[in-house]
mmCIF file of all heavy atoms, coordinates in Angstrom:
data_MODEL
# 
_entry.id   MODEL 
# 
loop_
_atom_site.group_PDB 
_atom_site.id 
_atom_site.type_symbol 
_atom_site.label_atom_id 
_atom_site.label_alt_id 
_atom_site.label_comp_id 
_atom_site.label_asym_id 
_atom_site.label_entity_id 
_atom_site.label_seq_id 
_atom_site.pdbx_PDB_ins_code 
_atom_site.Cartn_x 
_atom_site.Cartn_y 
_atom_site.Cartn_z 
_atom_site.occupancy 
_atom_site.B_iso_or_equiv 
_atom_site.pdbx_formal_charge 
_atom_site.auth_seq_id 
_atom_site.auth_comp_id 
_atom_site.auth_asym_id 
_atom_site.auth_atom_id 
_atom_site.pdbx_PDB_model_num 
ATOM 1   N N   . LEU A 1 1  ? 9.293  -13.584 -1.822  1.00 0.00 ? 1  LEU A N   1 
ATOM 2   C CA  . LEU A 1 1  ? 8.429  -13.286 -2.951  1.00 0.00 ? 1  LEU A CA  1 
ATOM 3   C C   . LEU A 1 1  ? 8.392  -11.804 -3.314  1.00 0.00 ? 1  LEU A C   1 
ATOM 4   O O   . LEU A 1 1  ? 7.330  -11.200 -3.396  1.00 0.00 ? 1  LEU A O   1 
ATOM 5   C CB  . LEU A 1 1  ? 7.001  -13.766 -2.628  1.00 0.00 ? 1  LEU A CB  1 
ATOM 6   C CG  . LEU A 1 1  ? 6.898  -15.130 -1.953  1.00 0.00 ? 1  LEU A CG  1 
ATOM 7   C CD1 . LEU A 1 1  ? 5.482  -15.408 -1.529  1.00 0.00 ? 1  LEU A CD1 1 
ATOM 8   C CD2 . LEU A 1 1  ? 7.391  -16.221 -2.841  1.00 0.00 ? 1  LEU A CD2 1 
ATOM 9   N N   . ALA A 1 2  ? 9.563  -11.223 -3.492  1.00 0.00 ? 2  ALA A N   1 
ATOM 10  C CA  . ALA A 1 2  ? 9.615  -9.780  -3.747  1.00 0.00 ? 2  ALA A CA  1 
ATOM 11  C C   . ALA A 1 2  ? 8.794  -9.391  -4.968  1.00 0.00 ? 2  ALA A C   1 
ATOM 12  O O   . ALA A 1 2  ? 8.106  -8.373  -4.972  1.00 0.00 ? 2  ALA A O   1 
ATOM 13  C CB  . ALA A 1 2  ? 11.058 -9.332  -3.923  1.00 0.00 ? 2  ALA A CB  1 
ATOM 14  N N   . LEU A 1 3  ? 8.859  -10.197 -6.018  1.00 0.00 ? 3  LEU A N   1 
ATOM 15  C CA  . LEU A 1 3  ? 8.082  -9.891  -7.212  1.00 0.00 ? 3  LEU A CA  1 
ATOM 16  C C   . LEU A 1 3  ? 6.597  -9.897  -6.907  1.00 0.00 ? 3  LEU A C   1 
ATOM 17  O O   . LEU A 1 3  ? 5.845  -9.007  -7.320  1.00 0.00 ? 3  LEU A O   1 
ATOM 18  C CB  . LEU A 1 3  ? 8.384  -10.898 -8.318  1.00 0.00 ? 3  LEU A CB  1 
ATOM 19  C CG  . LEU A 1 3  ? 7.583  -10.717 -9.617  1.00 0.00 ? 3  LEU A CG  1 
ATOM 20  C CD1 . LEU A 1 3  ? 7.854  -9.334  -10.200 1.00 0.00 ? 3  LEU A CD1 1 
ATOM 21  C CD2 . LEU A 1 3  ? 7.936  -11.794 -10.620 1.00 0.00 ? 3  LEU A CD2 1 
ATOM 22  N N   . SER A 1 4  ? 6.175  -10.901 -6.137  1.00 0.00 ? 4  SER A N   1 
ATOM 23  C CA  . SER A 1 4  ? 4.763  -10.963 -5.762  1.00 0.00 ? 4  SER A CA  1 
ATOM 24  C C   . SER A 1 4  ? 4.365  -9.766  -4.924  1.00 0.00 ? 4  SER A C   1 
ATOM 25  O O   . SER A 1 4  ? 3.269  -9.229  -5.059  1.00 0.00 ? 4  SER A O   1 
ATOM 26  C CB  . SER A 1 4  ? 4.485  -12.247 -4.987  1.00 0.00 ? 4  SER A CB  1 
ATOM 27  O OG  . SER A 1 4  ? 3.164  -12.254 -4.503  1.00 0.00 ? 4  SER A OG  1 
ATOM 28  N N   . ALA A 1 5  ? 5.271  -9.340  -4.070  1.00 0.00 ? 5  ALA A N   1 
ATOM 29  C CA  . ALA A 1 5  ? 4.977  -8.179  -3.231  1.00 0.00 ? 5  ALA A CA  1 
ATOM 30  C C   . ALA A 1 5  ? 4.679  -6.959  -4.089  1.00 0.00 ? 5  ALA A C   1 
ATOM 31  O O   . ALA A 1 5  ? 3.730  -6.216  -3.834  1.00 0.00 ? 5  ALA A O   1 
ATOM 32  C CB  . ALA A 1 5  ? 6.154  -7.885  -2.305  1.00 0.00 ? 5  ALA A CB  1 
ATOM 33  N N   . LEU A 1 6  ? 5.485  -6.761  -5.120  1.00 0.00 ? 6  LEU A N   1 
ATOM 34  C CA  . LEU A 1 6  ? 5.261  -5.626  -5.994  1.00 0.00 ? 6  LEU A CA  1 
ATOM 35  C C   . LEU A 1 6  ? 3.938  -5.765  -6.736  1.00 0.00 ? 6  LEU A C   1 
ATOM 36  O O   . LEU A 1 6  ? 3.194  -4.800  -6.895  1.00 0.00 ? 6  LEU A O   1 
ATOM 37  C CB  . LEU A 1 6  ? 6.410  -5.503  -6.995  1.00 0.00 ? 6  LEU A CB  1 
ATOM 38  C CG  . LEU A 1 6  ? 7.770  -5.120  -6.395  1.00 0.00 ? 6  LEU A CG  1 
ATOM 39  C CD1 . LEU A 1 6  ? 8.864  -5.212  -7.446  1.00 0.00 ? 6  LEU A CD1 1 
ATOM 40  C CD2 . LEU A 1 6  ? 7.728  -3.725  -5.800  1.00 0.00 ? 6  LEU A CD2 1 
ATOM 41  N N   . MET A 1 7  ? 3.655  -6.989  -7.167  1.00 0.00 ? 7  MET A N   1 
ATOM 42  C CA  . MET A 1 7  ? 2.402  -7.219  -7.879  1.00 0.00 ? 7  MET A CA  1 
ATOM 43  C C   . MET A 1 7  ? 1.217  -6.953  -6.968  1.00 0.00 ? 7  MET A C   1 
ATOM 44  O O   . MET A 1 7  ? 0.224  -6.342  -7.363  1.00 0.00 ? 7  MET A O   1 
ATOM 45  C CB  . MET A 1 7  ? 2.346  -8.654  -8.387  1.00 0.00 ? 7  MET A CB  1 
ATOM 46  C CG  . MET A 1 7  ? 3.321  -8.958  -9.517  1.00 0.00 ? 7  MET A CG  1 
ATOM 47  S SD  . MET A 1 7  ? 3.388  -10.714 -9.900  1.00 0.00 ? 7  MET A SD  1 
ATOM 48  C CE  . MET A 1 7  ? 1.696  -11.017 -10.364 1.00 0.00 ? 7  MET A CE  1 
ATOM 49  N N   . CYS A 1 8  ? 1.312  -7.423  -5.744  1.00 0.00 ? 8  CYS A N   1 
ATOM 50  C CA  . CYS A 1 8  ? 0.174  -7.325  -4.838  1.00 0.00 ? 8  CYS A CA  1 
ATOM 51  C C   . CYS A 1 8  ? -0.012 -5.925  -4.290  1.00 0.00 ? 8  CYS A C   1 
ATOM 52  O O   . CYS A 1 8  ? -1.133 -5.512  -4.021  1.00 0.00 ? 8  CYS A O   1 
ATOM 53  C CB  . CYS A 1 8  ? 0.350  -8.292  -3.676  1.00 0.00 ? 8  CYS A CB  1 
ATOM 54  S SG  . CYS A 1 8  ? 0.164  -10.029 -4.118  1.00 0.00 ? 8  CYS A SG  1 
ATOM 55  N N   . LEU A 1 9  ? 1.096  -5.204  -4.089  1.00 0.00 ? 9  LEU A N   1 
ATOM 56  C CA  . LEU A 1 9  ? 0.996  -3.952  -3.366  1.00 0.00 ? 9  LEU A CA  1 
ATOM 57  C C   . LEU A 1 9  ? 1.214  -2.720  -4.229  1.00 0.00 ? 9  LEU A C   1 
ATOM 58  O O   . LEU A 1 9  ? 1.034  -1.614  -3.757  1.00 0.00 ? 9  LEU A O   1 
ATOM 59  C CB  . LEU A 1 9  ? 2.007  -3.937  -2.208  1.00 0.00 ? 9  LEU A CB  1 
ATOM 60  C CG  . LEU A 1 9  ? 1.703  -4.944  -1.111  1.00 0.00 ? 9  LEU A CG  1 
ATOM 61  C CD1 . LEU A 1 9  ? 2.797  -4.926  -0.059  1.00 0.00 ? 9  LEU A CD1 1 
ATOM 62  C CD2 . LEU A 1 9  ? 0.374  -4.658  -0.466  1.00 0.00 ? 9  LEU A CD2 1 
ATOM 63  N N   . GLY A 1 10 ? 1.588  -2.918  -5.463  1.00 0.00 ? 10 GLY A N   1 
ATOM 64  C CA  . GLY A 1 10 ? 1.925  -1.769  -6.280  1.00 0.00 ? 10 GLY A CA  1 
ATOM 65  C C   . GLY A 1 10 ? 0.794  -0.786  -6.451  1.00 0.00 ? 10 GLY A C   1 
ATOM 66  O O   . GLY A 1 10 ? 1.034  0.400   -6.635  1.00 0.00 ? 10 GLY A O   1 
ATOM 67  N N   . ILE A 1 11 ? -0.445 -1.261  -6.389  1.00 0.00 ? 11 ILE A N   1 
ATOM 68  C CA  . ILE A 1 11 ? -1.561 -0.340  -6.571  1.00 0.00 ? 11 ILE A CA  1 
ATOM 69  C C   . ILE A 1 11 ? -2.313 -0.079  -5.276  1.00 0.00 ? 11 ILE A C   1 
ATOM 70  O O   . ILE A 1 11 ? -3.279 0.668   -5.262  1.00 0.00 ? 11 ILE A O   1 
ATOM 71  C CB  . ILE A 1 11 ? -2.554 -0.872  -7.627  1.00 0.00 ? 11 ILE A CB  1 
ATOM 72  C CG1 . ILE A 1 11 ? -3.152 -2.199  -7.198  1.00 0.00 ? 11 ILE A CG1 1 
ATOM 73  C CG2 . ILE A 1 11 ? -1.904 -1.005  -8.971  1.00 0.00 ? 11 ILE A CG2 1 
ATOM 74  C CD1 . ILE A 1 11 ? -4.250 -2.688  -8.117  1.00 0.00 ? 11 ILE A CD1 1 
ATOM 75  N N   . LEU A 1 12 ? -1.881 -0.682  -4.188  1.00 0.00 ? 12 LEU A N   1 
ATOM 76  C CA  . LEU A 1 12 ? -2.581 -0.475  -2.921  1.00 0.00 ? 12 LEU A CA  1 
ATOM 77  C C   . LEU A 1 12 ? -2.017 0.753   -2.231  1.00 0.00 ? 12 LEU A C   1 
ATOM 78  O O   . LEU A 1 12 ? -1.261 0.678   -1.276  1.00 0.00 ? 12 LEU A O   1 
ATOM 79  C CB  . LEU A 1 12 ? -2.448 -1.707  -2.026  1.00 0.00 ? 12 LEU A CB  1 
ATOM 80  C CG  . LEU A 1 12 ? -3.040 -2.984  -2.604  1.00 0.00 ? 12 LEU A CG  1 
ATOM 81  C CD1 . LEU A 1 12 ? -3.025 -4.082  -1.566  1.00 0.00 ? 12 LEU A CD1 1 
ATOM 82  C CD2 . LEU A 1 12 ? -4.455 -2.762  -3.091  1.00 0.00 ? 12 LEU A CD2 1 
ATOM 83  N N   . THR A 1 13 ? -2.371 1.912   -2.739  1.00 0.00 ? 13 THR A N   1 
ATOM 84  C CA  . THR A 1 13 ? -1.837 3.162   -2.216  1.00 0.00 ? 13 THR A CA  1 
ATOM 85  C C   . THR A 1 13 ? -2.954 4.002   -1.634  1.00 0.00 ? 13 THR A C   1 
ATOM 86  O O   . THR A 1 13 ? -4.137 3.772   -1.882  1.00 0.00 ? 13 THR A O   1 
ATOM 87  C CB  . THR A 1 13 ? -1.135 3.957   -3.333  1.00 0.00 ? 13 THR A CB  1 
ATOM 88  O OG1 . THR A 1 13 ? -2.113 4.283   -4.333  1.00 0.00 ? 13 THR A OG1 1 
ATOM 89  C CG2 . THR A 1 13 ? -0.017 3.155   -3.962  1.00 0.00 ? 13 THR A CG2 1 
ATOM 90  N N   . SER A 1 14 ? -2.557 4.985   -0.858  1.00 0.00 ? 14 SER A N   1 
ATOM 91  C CA  . SER A 1 14 ? -3.543 5.876   -0.282  1.00 0.00 ? 14 SER A CA  1 
ATOM 92  C C   . SER A 1 14 ? -2.868 7.199   0.048   1.00 0.00 ? 14 SER A C   1 
ATOM 93  O O   . SER A 1 14 ? -1.712 7.238   0.452   1.00 0.00 ? 14 SER A O   1 
ATOM 94  C CB  . SER A 1 14 ? -4.148 5.267   0.994   1.00 0.00 ? 14 SER A CB  1 
ATOM 95  O OG  . SER A 1 14 ? -5.136 6.106   1.534   1.00 0.00 ? 14 SER A OG  1 
ATOM 96  N N   . CYS A 1 15 ? -3.576 8.266   -0.124  1.00 0.00 ? 15 CYS A N   1 
ATOM 97  C CA  . CYS A 1 15 ? -3.007 9.571   0.194   1.00 0.00 ? 15 CYS A CA  1 
ATOM 98  C C   . CYS A 1 15 ? -4.141 10.514  0.578   1.00 0.00 ? 15 CYS A C   1 
ATOM 99  O O   . CYS A 1 15 ? -5.303 10.137  0.597   1.00 0.00 ? 15 CYS A O   1 
ATOM 100 C CB  . CYS A 1 15 ? -2.216 10.120  -0.990  1.00 0.00 ? 15 CYS A CB  1 
ATOM 101 S SG  . CYS A 1 15 ? -3.177 10.227  -2.516  1.00 0.00 ? 15 CYS A SG  1 
ATOM 102 N N   . GLY A 1 16 ? -3.775 11.757  0.902   1.00 0.00 ? 16 GLY A N   1 
ATOM 103 C CA  . GLY A 1 16 ? -4.788 12.719  1.268   1.00 0.00 ? 16 GLY A CA  1 
ATOM 104 C C   . GLY A 1 16 ? -4.871 12.903  2.768   1.00 0.00 ? 16 GLY A C   1 
ATOM 105 O O   . GLY A 1 16 ? -4.132 12.307  3.550   1.00 0.00 ? 16 GLY A O   1 
ATOM 106 N N   . ASN A 1 17 ? -5.789 13.740  3.220   1.00 0.00 ? 17 ASN A N   1 
ATOM 107 C CA  . ASN A 1 17 ? -5.902 14.086  4.632   1.00 0.00 ? 17 ASN A CA  1 
ATOM 108 C C   . ASN A 1 17 ? -6.288 12.905  5.503   1.00 0.00 ? 17 ASN A C   1 
ATOM 109 O O   . ASN A 1 17 ? -6.002 12.888  6.705   1.00 0.00 ? 17 ASN A O   1 
ATOM 110 C CB  . ASN A 1 17 ? -6.941 15.209  4.812   1.00 0.00 ? 17 ASN A CB  1 
ATOM 111 C CG  . ASN A 1 17 ? -6.503 16.503  4.156   1.00 0.00 ? 17 ASN A CG  1 
ATOM 112 O OD1 . ASN A 1 17 ? -5.304 16.760  4.029   1.00 0.00 ? 17 ASN A OD1 1 
ATOM 113 N ND2 . ASN A 1 17 ? -7.462 17.313  3.740   1.00 0.00 ? 17 ASN A ND2 1 
ATOM 114 N N   . SER A 1 18 ? -6.959 11.919  4.926   1.00 0.00 ? 18 SER A N   1 
ATOM 115 C CA  . SER A 1 18 ? -7.421 10.784  5.722   1.00 0.00 ? 18 SER A CA  1 
ATOM 116 C C   . SER A 1 18 ? -6.387 9.666   5.797   1.00 0.00 ? 18 SER A C   1 
ATOM 117 O O   . SER A 1 18 ? -6.662 8.611   6.348   1.00 0.00 ? 18 SER A O   1 
ATOM 118 C CB  . SER A 1 18 ? -8.731 10.233  5.137   1.00 0.00 ? 18 SER A CB  1 
ATOM 119 O OG  . SER A 1 18 ? -8.509 9.753   3.820   1.00 0.00 ? 18 SER A OG  1 
ATOM 120 N N   . PHE A 1 19 ? -5.191 9.888   5.252   1.00 0.00 ? 19 PHE A N   1 
ATOM 121 C CA  . PHE A 1 19 ? -4.197 8.820   5.199   1.00 0.00 ? 19 PHE A CA  1 
ATOM 122 C C   . PHE A 1 19 ? -3.732 8.404   6.591   1.00 0.00 ? 19 PHE A C   1 
ATOM 123 O O   . PHE A 1 19 ? -3.455 9.236   7.444   1.00 0.00 ? 19 PHE A O   1 
ATOM 124 C CB  . PHE A 1 19 ? -2.992 9.262   4.369   1.00 0.00 ? 19 PHE A CB  1 
ATOM 125 C CG  . PHE A 1 19 ? -1.863 8.269   4.414   1.00 0.00 ? 19 PHE A CG  1 
ATOM 126 C CD1 . PHE A 1 19 ? -1.974 7.070   3.735   1.00 0.00 ? 19 PHE A CD1 1 
ATOM 127 C CD2 . PHE A 1 19 ? -0.731 8.516   5.167   1.00 0.00 ? 19 PHE A CD2 1 
ATOM 128 C CE1 . PHE A 1 19 ? -0.954 6.133   3.789   1.00 0.00 ? 19 PHE A CE1 1 
ATOM 129 C CE2 . PHE A 1 19 ? 0.294  7.589   5.222   1.00 0.00 ? 19 PHE A CE2 1 
ATOM 130 C CZ  . PHE A 1 19 ? 0.177  6.395   4.528   1.00 0.00 ? 19 PHE A CZ  1 
ATOM 131 N N   . SER A 1 20 ? -3.649 7.093   6.782   1.00 0.00 ? 20 SER A N   1 
ATOM 132 C CA  . SER A 1 20 ? -3.104 6.511   8.011   1.00 0.00 ? 20 SER A CA  1 
ATOM 133 C C   . SER A 1 20 ? -2.183 5.373   7.625   1.00 0.00 ? 20 SER A C   1 
ATOM 134 O O   . SER A 1 20 ? -2.630 4.383   7.035   1.00 0.00 ? 20 SER A O   1 
ATOM 135 C CB  . SER A 1 20 ? -4.230 5.999   8.918   1.00 0.00 ? 20 SER A CB  1 
ATOM 136 O OG  . SER A 1 20 ? -3.712 5.130   9.919   1.00 0.00 ? 20 SER A OG  1 
ATOM 137 N N   . ALA A 1 21 ? -0.898 5.497   7.947   1.00 0.00 ? 21 ALA A N   1 
ATOM 138 C CA  . ALA A 1 21 ? 0.065  4.454   7.595   1.00 0.00 ? 21 ALA A CA  1 
ATOM 139 C C   . ALA A 1 21 ? -0.280 3.138   8.287   1.00 0.00 ? 21 ALA A C   1 
ATOM 140 O O   . ALA A 1 21 ? -0.183 2.066   7.692   1.00 0.00 ? 21 ALA A O   1 
ATOM 141 C CB  . ALA A 1 21 ? 1.479  4.896   7.968   1.00 0.00 ? 21 ALA A CB  1 
ATOM 142 N N   . GLY A 1 22 ? -0.698 3.213   9.547   1.00 0.00 ? 22 GLY A N   1 
ATOM 143 C CA  . GLY A 1 22 ? -1.073 1.997   10.266  1.00 0.00 ? 22 GLY A CA  1 
ATOM 144 C C   . GLY A 1 22 ? -2.263 1.311   9.627   1.00 0.00 ? 22 GLY A C   1 
ATOM 145 O O   . GLY A 1 22 ? -2.280 0.079   9.477   1.00 0.00 ? 22 GLY A O   1 
ATOM 146 N N   . ASP A 1 23 ? -3.259 2.108   9.229   1.00 0.00 ? 23 ASP A N   1 
ATOM 147 C CA  . ASP A 1 23 ? -4.446 1.535   8.583   1.00 0.00 ? 23 ASP A CA  1 
ATOM 148 C C   . ASP A 1 23 ? -4.083 0.924   7.234   1.00 0.00 ? 23 ASP A C   1 
ATOM 149 O O   . ASP A 1 23 ? -4.649 -0.099  6.835   1.00 0.00 ? 23 ASP A O   1 
ATOM 150 C CB  . ASP A 1 23 ? -5.521 2.606   8.384   1.00 0.00 ? 23 ASP A CB  1 
ATOM 151 C CG  . ASP A 1 23 ? -6.193 3.010   9.693   1.00 0.00 ? 23 ASP A CG  1 
ATOM 152 O OD1 . ASP A 1 23 ? -5.974 2.319   10.713  1.00 0.00 ? 23 ASP A OD1 1 
ATOM 153 O OD2 . ASP A 1 23 ? -6.927 4.017   9.689   1.00 0.00 ? 23 ASP A OD2 1 
ATOM 154 N N   . LEU A 1 24 ? -3.141 1.558   6.515   1.00 0.00 ? 24 LEU A N   1 
ATOM 155 C CA  . LEU A 1 24 ? -2.749 1.027   5.211   1.00 0.00 ? 24 LEU A CA  1 
ATOM 156 C C   . LEU A 1 24 ? -2.065 -0.332  5.366   1.00 0.00 ? 24 LEU A C   1 
ATOM 157 O O   . LEU A 1 24 ? -2.374 -1.273  4.634   1.00 0.00 ? 24 LEU A O   1 
ATOM 158 C CB  . LEU A 1 24 ? -1.820 2.005   4.501   1.00 0.00 ? 24 LEU A CB  1 
ATOM 159 C CG  . LEU A 1 24 ? -1.370 1.586   3.096   1.00 0.00 ? 24 LEU A CG  1 
ATOM 160 C CD1 . LEU A 1 24 ? -2.555 1.466   2.151   1.00 0.00 ? 24 LEU A CD1 1 
ATOM 161 C CD2 . LEU A 1 24 ? -0.333 2.550   2.536   1.00 0.00 ? 24 LEU A CD2 1 
ATOM 162 N N   . VAL A 1 25 ? -1.146 -0.452  6.326   1.00 0.00 ? 25 VAL A N   1 
ATOM 163 C CA  . VAL A 1 25 ? -0.480 -1.736  6.568   1.00 0.00 ? 25 VAL A CA  1 
ATOM 164 C C   . VAL A 1 25 ? -1.497 -2.782  6.989   1.00 0.00 ? 25 VAL A C   1 
ATOM 165 O O   . VAL A 1 25 ? -1.508 -3.908  6.472   1.00 0.00 ? 25 VAL A O   1 
ATOM 166 C CB  . VAL A 1 25 ? 0.636  -1.586  7.613   1.00 0.00 ? 25 VAL A CB  1 
ATOM 167 C CG1 . VAL A 1 25 ? 1.213  -2.952  7.979   1.00 0.00 ? 25 VAL A CG1 1 
ATOM 168 C CG2 . VAL A 1 25 ? 1.749  -0.675  7.096   1.00 0.00 ? 25 VAL A CG2 1 
# 
């Protein structure tokens, strides 16, 4: 479901000093 993945995750971003890749996943 690659298209769905883009739809679902395209706006689920995070940045800044508090960013955690593990927490984002």
